[in-house]
Amino acid sequence: MDCRLLMAFVARFFRARHLPALAFHSDANGQPALPTYPGFGLYSDLPNQFCGKQGVRWNPPELPRIGCFGLSSGSSASATIGNHRLEVAVGSTGTEICKIDGAIVGCNGCVYKDDVACETRLDLISRNKDKSIFFYFGRRTRHGYFVTNQENWDYEETRRN
């Protein structure tokens, strides 16, 4: 399957309002674990596949360059991506708030719209019962594929041509 089609499928899959039989568990530190989707076969554990071996970073002080992160209600993190300052926050009601250079923007899709090549994508994985949110960054490799975790980035970077 073409990588762009897969990314579009995944973005729609995660944004769906009514997903059947979501399973949530808490990890050892009390934060929600990534959701699973029983009955979806190979895609039942898709969020963990996206995050890779790094898993989810909870409430990082700085946004990761690639991969998954979770923000608790009332938390925020920021980083400079390209020449733009990106801040991602979760409000007290569990609503995502994203700002680029101080201007409020959507939290799904290319990080900034003037990037024609769309080098970095930010997408939501899930909104959780405790009003926290899982997000992930996908980065475009030099081969034109989006990857969502460090091990896939490293693999793509070692490929020739």
Foldseek 3Di string as FASTA:
>chain_A
DDQVVVVVVQQCVQPDPDQPDWDWDADPVRHIAQIARPPPPPCRPVLCVQQDPVGEDELDQADDPFHKYKYAAPGKHWDQDDNWIWIWHAHNQLDIWIDINRHTDDQFAQNDDVPPLSQKTKGWRHQDPNSMTMITIWGQAPVGHTGHYDVVNVVSVPDDD
